[in-house]
Structures are given as C-alpha cells and as structure tokens.
Amino acid sequence: MGDIKRLGLGCMGMNLSNKDRSVETIHYALEQGITLLNTGEFYGGGESEMVLREALAGVPRDSYFLSVKFGVLPKPGGGIYGLDVKPFNVKAHLAYSMHRLGLDYIDLYQPARMDETVPVEELVGALEECVKEGYIGNIGLTQLPAKTLERAAKVHPIHTVELEYSLAERRIETNGILEVAADNHIDVLAFGVLSHGLFTERAMGNAASGRPGLFSPDNISMVSALKAIADERNTTIEKLVQAYVCAKHPNMRILIGTTSRRHLQDSIDALSLELTADDIQKIENAFPADKVQGIGMRDFVFRDGRMGLK
C-alpha cells in the first residue's frame, strides 16, 4: 500500500443527521493511519465541527491534524451569499470554531477563499498573530492565484495550499501555482479528485440525459473510455483516477470527502494501484483536458465580501 499519510478526510458532508455514520468513518480513518481531518466553520452551519467534537472526544490530541476553513457566509435556506475574511474579524471566526470543536488550538487555519479587496499580506498578518498567541499552529490558503500565494509566503510560512485538481481540472499544472508551492515548501492538498461525481460509474447513467455542463454526453463518453482502462486493470473508475493523481504528482496530498467508511476504503485501496508513465499518458489520452466540457466548481470571485462570477 502507498503512503496513507497522503490521504486526508474531508468532513464537509458530515452533520447531525448522519452523525453516527460520520463518527464511525472518522474513527476508521484514524485507525487506518489517516491523520488529516479537514472541515469548515460553515459546513452544515457548524454541524461538521460539532460532529468532529464528538468523534474526537478522548482521542489523543497529537494523533490527528485538524484543518479548518473560515469566512464563507451561508444563507439560512442554503447556499452562500458572500465571504468575510477581513483581518479584524479573523479571531471571532476562530473563537466560534474552537468553541464548537471543544479545542484550545487548531493545527491549520485558512480562509476558504480570497477577497480581492483584502490584501493577502494583511490577512496573513492577522493569522500570524493567532499563531503567535498559540491559537493556531499553521496557516493555510485555498484557491488563489500563484502570485498571491507568493506574496503571502513572504509574510509568514504557508503550510498548505488547498486546490481543486482532477483528471478533468488540470489548470494548476499550467498556472504556476505548483511551482510557487514547491519553491516555498508549501504542501499541496488536492480536492475534487473525482470531479464532483463525474468519475464514478453512477455518472455513466447520465450519458443519455443530454444534461449540459460537467455531465454532458461528450464527457460521459470519455468516462466510458476510462472505464475500459479500469476494466483492463481489474479496478474501478474511482480508484483509477485517484491512482492517476497519486502517480502524476507524488508529493501531492489528496482530500477525500465522504461520510462512508466503504468509500474511504476505496480511496485507501487506490494507493496500492501502481501506474507507469505510459499508463498516465493512456489515461490522459482517453480523457484529454482540452476536450472537457463544463467545470466542476464555478469560478467565484469576492469583492468587499460580495460574491460574483469571473
């Protein structure tokens, strides 16, 4: 099996309605050697943090590494309407998360997105103050341009940058951010490796629907080509594309968002699937990035807290 430390458990879907299953999955992850747990103050209106509090009660504090994102402003009925990453408000967000988690410090704290009107230097400076006061161990950043990450790293060491990456979403390979991360010794944590459900056998049932966007017939046709490769290796599409990320970027960590112990085990099993350079090329030929239609996550932009699209 590959290095289990490359996997992190994403807790976005965990809430009080699936609490028992989620707690079981968190415990299973820890038992298997996964130490990175990733959540957000806004996940389930704070319920993800509450579930983690229950799951981690009695668990030695040094046996897991907890990452928390902050800043997204949720609507009462669901969805989001803005972002608050103003430096003056950072400690308030942190205080609420620490209270829900029942912890006196958080290992990695990071804004969920960047606000174009908030200088990254000021935001990282506010987070650095929390580091000095012992409330957080490390600073992370998420979904930002390479130049912004470079500016941030000049203020304080950045531990992790969280980025969307998959066989269908490869823009980080060409926009310079991987190079900035490497130059500044910043860990890269990839989310969305299954491209929001596209790389699953269930998605192939949408082939005849004519649904636009990521699940377009053309994309599903390429997924079918991947299935043929997976069948040759006696594995699944899900395991194949996760093994692809592991093989192509050996230093990249992968975030697996699930409340299911079974789905988590699939990701663990994918670590054992070895792919050669020829295998990687074959997979990319079957699913070329320049042929993908639609995107998995819309390109939001925030200005003075207000949300828009690029």
Protein backbone atom coordinates (compact mmCIF):
# COMPACT_ATOMS: atom_id res chain seq x y z
CA MET A 1 0.00 0.00 0.00
CA GLY A 2 1.13 3.57 -0.69
CA ASP A 3 1.69 6.20 1.95
CA ILE A 4 -1.59 6.52 3.89
CA LYS A 5 -0.46 9.96 5.07
CA ARG A 6 -1.16 11.26 1.56
CA LEU A 7 -4.89 11.00 2.25
CA GLY A 8 -6.97 13.46 4.21
CA LEU A 9 -10.59 13.04 5.25
CA GLY A 10 -12.87 15.83 4.08
CA CYS A 11 -15.73 16.37 6.52
CA MET A 12 -17.95 18.75 4.54
CA GLY A 13 -20.84 16.27 4.31
CA MET A 14 -20.83 15.42 8.00
CA ASN A 15 -23.74 16.77 10.01
CA LEU A 16 -26.01 15.83 12.87
CA SER A 17 -28.38 13.87 10.62
CA ASN A 18 -25.60 11.42 9.68
CA LYS A 19 -23.65 11.77 12.91
CA ASP A 20 -23.25 8.09 13.77
CA ARG A 21 -22.02 7.14 10.31
CA SER A 22 -19.70 10.13 10.21
CA VAL A 23 -18.20 9.40 13.63
CA GLU A 24 -17.61 5.79 12.55
CA THR A 25 -15.85 7.00 9.40
CA ILE A 26 -13.64 9.42 11.32
CA HIS A 27 -12.64 6.68 13.74
CA TYR A 28 -11.95 4.29 10.86
CA ALA A 29 -9.76 6.90 9.15
CA LEU A 30 -7.71 7.37 12.30
CA GLU A 31 -7.40 3.61 12.79
CA GLN A 32 -6.03 3.25 9.25
CA GLY A 33 -3.39 5.91 9.85
CA ILE A 34 -5.06 8.93 8.23
CA THR A 35 -4.28 11.93 10.42
CA LEU A 36 -5.50 14.92 8.38
CA LEU A 37 -9.10 15.92 9.06
CA ASN A 38 -10.45 18.83 7.03
CA THR A 39 -13.56 20.85 7.85
CA GLY A 40 -15.01 24.36 7.66
CA GLU A 41 -16.91 26.56 10.08
CA PHE A 42 -19.71 26.89 7.52
CA TYR A 43 -20.05 23.17 6.72
CA GLY A 44 -23.57 22.29 7.75
CA GLY A 45 -23.87 25.61 9.56
CA GLY A 46 -21.24 24.46 12.06
CA GLU A 47 -22.57 20.90 12.40
CA SER A 48 -19.46 19.35 10.84
CA GLU A 49 -17.37 20.83 13.64
CA MET A 50 -19.88 19.57 16.20
CA VAL A 51 -19.66 16.05 14.77
CA LEU A 52 -15.87 16.23 14.90
CA ARG A 53 -16.03 17.32 18.53
CA GLU A 54 -17.94 14.17 19.41
CA ALA A 55 -15.76 11.90 17.26
CA LEU A 56 -12.51 13.26 18.71
CA ALA A 57 -13.53 13.19 22.35
CA GLY A 58 -10.95 11.07 24.13
CA VAL A 59 -8.70 10.83 21.07
CA PRO A 60 -5.11 11.90 21.86
CA ARG A 61 -4.68 15.45 20.56
CA ASP A 62 -1.34 14.71 18.93
CA SER A 63 -2.76 11.81 16.87
CA TYR A 64 -4.59 13.98 14.34
CA PHE A 65 -4.02 17.19 12.39
CA LEU A 66 -7.13 19.34 12.09
CA SER A 67 -7.62 21.83 9.26
CA VAL A 68 -10.43 24.40 9.43
CA LYS A 69 -11.56 26.84 6.74
CA PHE A 70 -13.39 30.05 7.59
CA GLY A 71 -15.09 33.03 6.03
CA VAL A 72 -17.94 31.78 3.84
CA LEU A 73 -21.26 33.48 4.65
CA PRO A 74 -24.17 31.00 4.37
CA LYS A 75 -27.81 31.78 3.71
CA PRO A 76 -30.42 30.49 6.20
CA GLY A 77 -32.10 28.43 3.49
CA GLY A 78 -28.91 27.04 1.98
CA GLY A 79 -26.28 28.34 -0.39
CA ILE A 80 -23.85 31.18 0.18
CA TYR A 81 -24.03 34.91 -0.35
CA GLY A 82 -20.60 36.23 0.49
CA LEU A 83 -17.25 35.98 2.23
CA ASP A 84 -15.83 37.55 5.37
CA VAL A 85 -12.05 37.33 5.57
CA LYS A 86 -11.47 40.80 6.98
CA PRO A 87 -8.36 40.67 9.17
CA PHE A 88 -10.18 42.35 12.07
CA ASN A 89 -12.77 39.53 12.16
CA VAL A 90 -10.42 36.53 11.97
CA LYS A 91 -10.31 35.95 15.73
CA ALA A 92 -14.10 35.93 16.01
CA HIS A 93 -14.38 33.21 13.37
CA LEU A 94 -11.64 31.28 15.14
CA ALA A 95 -13.30 31.62 18.54
CA TYR A 96 -16.58 30.17 17.30
CA SER A 97 -14.82 27.20 15.67
CA MET A 98 -12.76 26.46 18.75
CA HIS A 99 -15.93 26.54 20.84
CA ARG A 100 -17.81 24.12 18.55
CA LEU A 101 -14.80 21.82 18.31
CA GLY A 102 -14.06 21.95 22.04
CA LEU A 103 -10.39 22.63 21.33
CA ASP A 104 -7.94 25.24 22.56
CA TYR A 105 -5.99 25.35 19.30
CA ILE A 106 -6.37 24.37 15.64
CA ASP A 107 -3.50 22.85 13.68
CA LEU A 108 -4.17 24.55 10.33
CA TYR A 109 -6.44 27.55 9.82
CA GLN A 110 -7.21 29.01 6.43
CA PRO A 111 -9.61 31.37 4.63
CA ALA A 112 -12.00 29.47 2.39
CA ARG A 113 -11.36 31.89 -0.48
CA MET A 114 -9.67 35.23 -1.06
CA ASP A 115 -11.38 38.60 -1.25
CA GLU A 116 -9.88 40.80 -3.96
CA THR A 117 -10.29 43.87 -1.76
CA VAL A 118 -8.40 42.36 1.20
CA PRO A 119 -4.60 42.46 0.76
CA VAL A 120 -3.26 38.97 1.37
CA GLU A 121 -0.43 40.47 3.42
CA GLU A 122 -2.93 41.89 5.92
CA LEU A 123 -4.91 38.66 6.13
CA VAL A 124 -1.82 36.52 6.67
CA GLY A 125 -0.62 39.09 9.20
CA ALA A 126 -3.82 38.60 11.21
CA LEU A 127 -3.41 34.83 11.05
CA GLU A 128 0.24 35.16 12.07
CA GLU A 129 -0.92 36.95 15.22
CA CYS A 130 -3.10 33.92 16.04
CA VAL A 131 -0.05 31.68 15.56
CA LYS A 132 2.00 33.82 17.96
CA GLU A 133 -0.81 33.67 20.53
CA GLY A 134 -0.95 29.87 20.30
CA TYR A 135 -4.47 29.55 18.89
CA ILE A 136 -3.39 28.05 15.56
CA GLY A 137 -0.36 26.04 14.60
CA ASN A 138 -0.09 26.76 10.89
CA ILE A 139 -1.53 28.98 8.16
CA GLY A 140 -3.15 27.63 5.01
CA LEU A 141 -4.65 29.19 1.90
CA THR A 142 -7.18 27.97 -0.63
CA GLN A 143 -7.96 28.52 -4.31
CA LEU A 144 -5.84 31.57 -5.06
CA PRO A 145 -3.56 32.80 -7.85
CA ALA A 146 0.12 31.88 -7.87
CA LYS A 147 1.26 35.49 -7.41
CA THR A 148 -0.99 35.91 -4.36
CA LEU A 149 0.43 32.75 -2.79
CA GLU A 150 3.95 34.05 -3.43
CA ARG A 151 3.13 37.35 -1.70
CA ALA A 152 1.59 35.51 1.25
CA ALA A 153 4.67 33.34 1.75
CA LYS A 154 6.80 36.46 2.19
CA VAL A 155 4.78 37.44 5.28
CA HIS A 156 4.73 34.08 7.08
CA PRO A 157 5.42 30.45 6.09
CA ILE A 158 2.36 28.89 4.46
CA HIS A 159 1.89 25.26 5.45
CA THR A 160 -0.69 24.11 2.88
CA VAL A 161 -2.45 25.40 -0.20
CA GLU A 162 -5.73 23.64 -0.97
CA LEU A 163 -6.56 23.47 -4.68
CA GLU A 164 -9.07 21.81 -6.96
CA TYR A 165 -7.40 19.17 -9.12
CA SER A 166 -8.50 16.14 -11.09
CA LEU A 167 -8.09 14.50 -14.46
CA ALA A 168 -10.82 16.88 -15.68
CA GLU A 169 -9.47 20.01 -13.94
CA ARG A 170 -5.76 20.44 -14.56
CA ARG A 171 -5.35 24.20 -14.67
CA ILE A 172 -2.99 24.20 -11.69
CA GLU A 173 -0.46 22.38 -13.87
CA THR A 174 -0.08 25.43 -16.10
CA ASN A 175 -0.88 28.49 -13.97
CA GLY A 176 2.35 28.47 -11.97
CA ILE A 177 0.95 27.73 -8.53
CA LEU A 178 2.59 24.31 -8.18
CA GLU A 179 5.96 25.91 -8.84
CA VAL A 180 5.36 28.63 -6.23
CA ALA A 181 4.31 25.97 -3.73
CA ALA A 182 7.44 23.91 -4.41
CA ASP A 183 9.74 26.94 -4.19
CA ASN A 184 8.26 27.89 -0.81
CA HIS A 185 8.00 24.33 0.60
CA ILE A 186 4.19 24.52 0.74
CA ASP A 187 2.18 21.30 0.83
CA VAL A 188 -0.43 20.93 -1.92
CA LEU A 189 -3.76 19.38 -0.93
CA ALA A 190 -6.00 18.46 -3.86
CA PHE A 191 -9.77 18.32 -3.55
CA GLY A 192 -12.36 17.30 -6.12
CA VAL A 193 -10.27 14.43 -7.50
CA LEU A 194 -13.45 12.61 -8.56
CA SER A 195 -14.57 15.82 -10.29
CA HIS A 196 -17.73 16.20 -8.24
CA GLY A 197 -19.08 12.78 -9.15
CA LEU A 198 -18.10 12.69 -12.84
CA PHE A 199 -15.52 9.95 -12.29
CA THR A 200 -17.93 7.38 -10.92
CA GLU A 201 -19.78 4.52 -12.52
CA ARG A 202 -23.03 6.18 -11.43
CA ALA A 203 -22.26 9.12 -13.70
CA MET A 204 -22.37 6.89 -16.75
CA GLY A 205 -26.11 6.56 -16.22
CA ASN A 206 -26.37 10.21 -17.29
CA ALA A 207 -25.00 9.51 -20.75
CA ALA A 208 -28.36 9.66 -22.46
CA SER A 209 -29.74 12.58 -20.49
CA GLY A 210 -28.24 15.29 -22.66
CA ARG A 211 -27.60 17.25 -19.48
CA PRO A 212 -25.25 20.18 -20.15
CA GLY A 213 -22.17 21.05 -18.13
CA LEU A 214 -19.83 18.59 -16.49
CA PHE A 215 -22.16 15.62 -17.10
CA SER A 216 -22.51 16.32 -20.83
CA PRO A 217 -22.78 13.32 -23.18
CA ASP A 218 -19.30 14.04 -24.56
CA ASN A 219 -17.76 13.98 -21.07
CA ILE A 220 -19.60 10.79 -20.19
CA SER A 221 -18.30 9.23 -23.40
CA MET A 222 -14.76 9.94 -22.23
CA VAL A 223 -15.59 8.47 -18.84
CA SER A 224 -16.62 5.31 -20.69
CA ALA A 225 -13.14 5.21 -22.24
CA LEU A 226 -11.69 5.43 -18.73
CA LYS A 227 -13.90 2.56 -17.63
CA ALA A 228 -12.37 0.41 -20.34
CA ILE A 229 -8.90 1.17 -18.93
CA ALA A 230 -10.12 0.48 -15.40
CA ASP A 231 -11.60 -2.86 -16.53
CA GLU A 232 -8.22 -3.82 -18.02
CA ARG A 233 -6.64 -3.22 -14.60
CA ASN A 234 -9.47 -5.01 -12.78
CA THR A 235 -10.29 -1.86 -10.85
CA THR A 236 -12.91 0.91 -10.79
CA ILE A 237 -13.01 4.35 -12.40
CA GLU A 238 -12.89 5.92 -8.95
CA LYS A 239 -9.73 4.08 -7.95
CA LEU A 240 -8.10 4.64 -11.34
CA VAL A 241 -8.43 8.44 -11.32
CA GLN A 242 -7.26 8.67 -7.70
CA ALA A 243 -4.26 6.50 -8.54
CA TYR A 244 -3.64 8.81 -11.51
CA VAL A 245 -3.34 11.85 -9.22
CA CYS A 246 -1.04 9.96 -6.85
CA ALA A 247 1.21 8.77 -9.67
CA LYS A 248 1.40 12.04 -11.59
CA HIS A 249 2.10 14.20 -8.53
CA PRO A 250 3.95 12.06 -5.96
CA ASN A 251 4.20 14.92 -3.46
CA MET A 252 0.55 15.97 -3.64
CA ARG A 253 -1.85 15.07 -0.84
CA ILE A 254 -5.44 14.14 -1.63
CA LEU A 255 -8.59 15.11 0.22
CA ILE A 256 -11.35 12.50 0.21
CA GLY A 257 -14.73 13.93 1.13
CA THR A 258 -17.02 11.19 2.40
CA THR A 259 -19.18 10.10 5.31
CA SER A 260 -18.86 6.46 4.23
CA ARG A 261 -16.32 4.03 5.59
CA ARG A 262 -16.67 1.96 2.40
CA HIS A 263 -15.91 4.89 0.10
CA LEU A 264 -12.95 5.83 2.25
CA GLN A 265 -11.62 2.29 1.95
CA ASP A 266 -11.86 2.58 -1.85
CA SER A 267 -9.53 5.58 -1.66
CA ILE A 268 -7.15 3.70 0.60
CA ASP A 269 -7.14 0.81 -1.87
CA ALA A 270 -6.34 3.21 -4.72
CA LEU A 271 -2.98 3.90 -3.09
CA SER A 272 -1.95 0.36 -3.99
CA LEU A 273 -2.72 0.79 -7.70
CA GLU A 274 0.62 1.49 -9.37
CA LEU A 275 0.64 3.39 -12.65
CA THR A 276 3.57 3.90 -15.04
CA ALA A 277 4.30 6.95 -17.17
CA ASP A 278 2.73 5.06 -20.08
CA ASP A 279 -0.39 4.41 -18.00
CA ILE A 280 -0.66 8.12 -17.18
CA GLN A 281 -0.38 9.04 -20.84
CA LYS A 282 -3.01 6.47 -21.78
CA ILE A 283 -5.40 7.86 -19.20
CA GLU A 284 -4.85 11.44 -20.37
CA ASN A 285 -5.37 10.39 -23.97
CA ALA A 286 -8.68 8.83 -23.00
CA PHE A 287 -9.74 11.97 -21.12
CA PRO A 288 -7.89 14.96 -22.63
CA ALA A 289 -8.18 18.12 -20.54
CA ASP A 290 -8.81 20.35 -23.57
CA LYS A 291 -11.91 18.33 -24.50
CA VAL A 292 -13.68 18.64 -21.15
CA GLN A 293 -16.99 20.49 -21.22
CA GLY A 294 -18.19 22.47 -18.22
CA ILE A 295 -16.38 22.85 -14.92
CA GLY A 296 -16.89 21.17 -11.61
CA MET A 297 -16.85 24.29 -9.46
CA ARG A 298 -17.82 27.73 -10.69
CA ASP A 299 -15.11 30.39 -10.59
CA PHE A 300 -16.41 32.61 -7.83
CA VAL A 301 -14.80 35.95 -7.13
CA PHE A 302 -15.33 38.00 -3.98
CA ARG A 303 -15.02 41.77 -3.72
CA ASP A 304 -15.68 43.51 -0.41
CA GLY A 305 -17.44 40.37 0.78
CA ARG A 306 -19.84 40.20 -2.14
CA MET A 307 -19.88 37.21 -4.44
CA GLY A 308 -19.78 37.24 -8.23
CA LEU A 309 -18.52 35.17 -11.12
CA LYS A 310 -15.36 35.73 -13.12
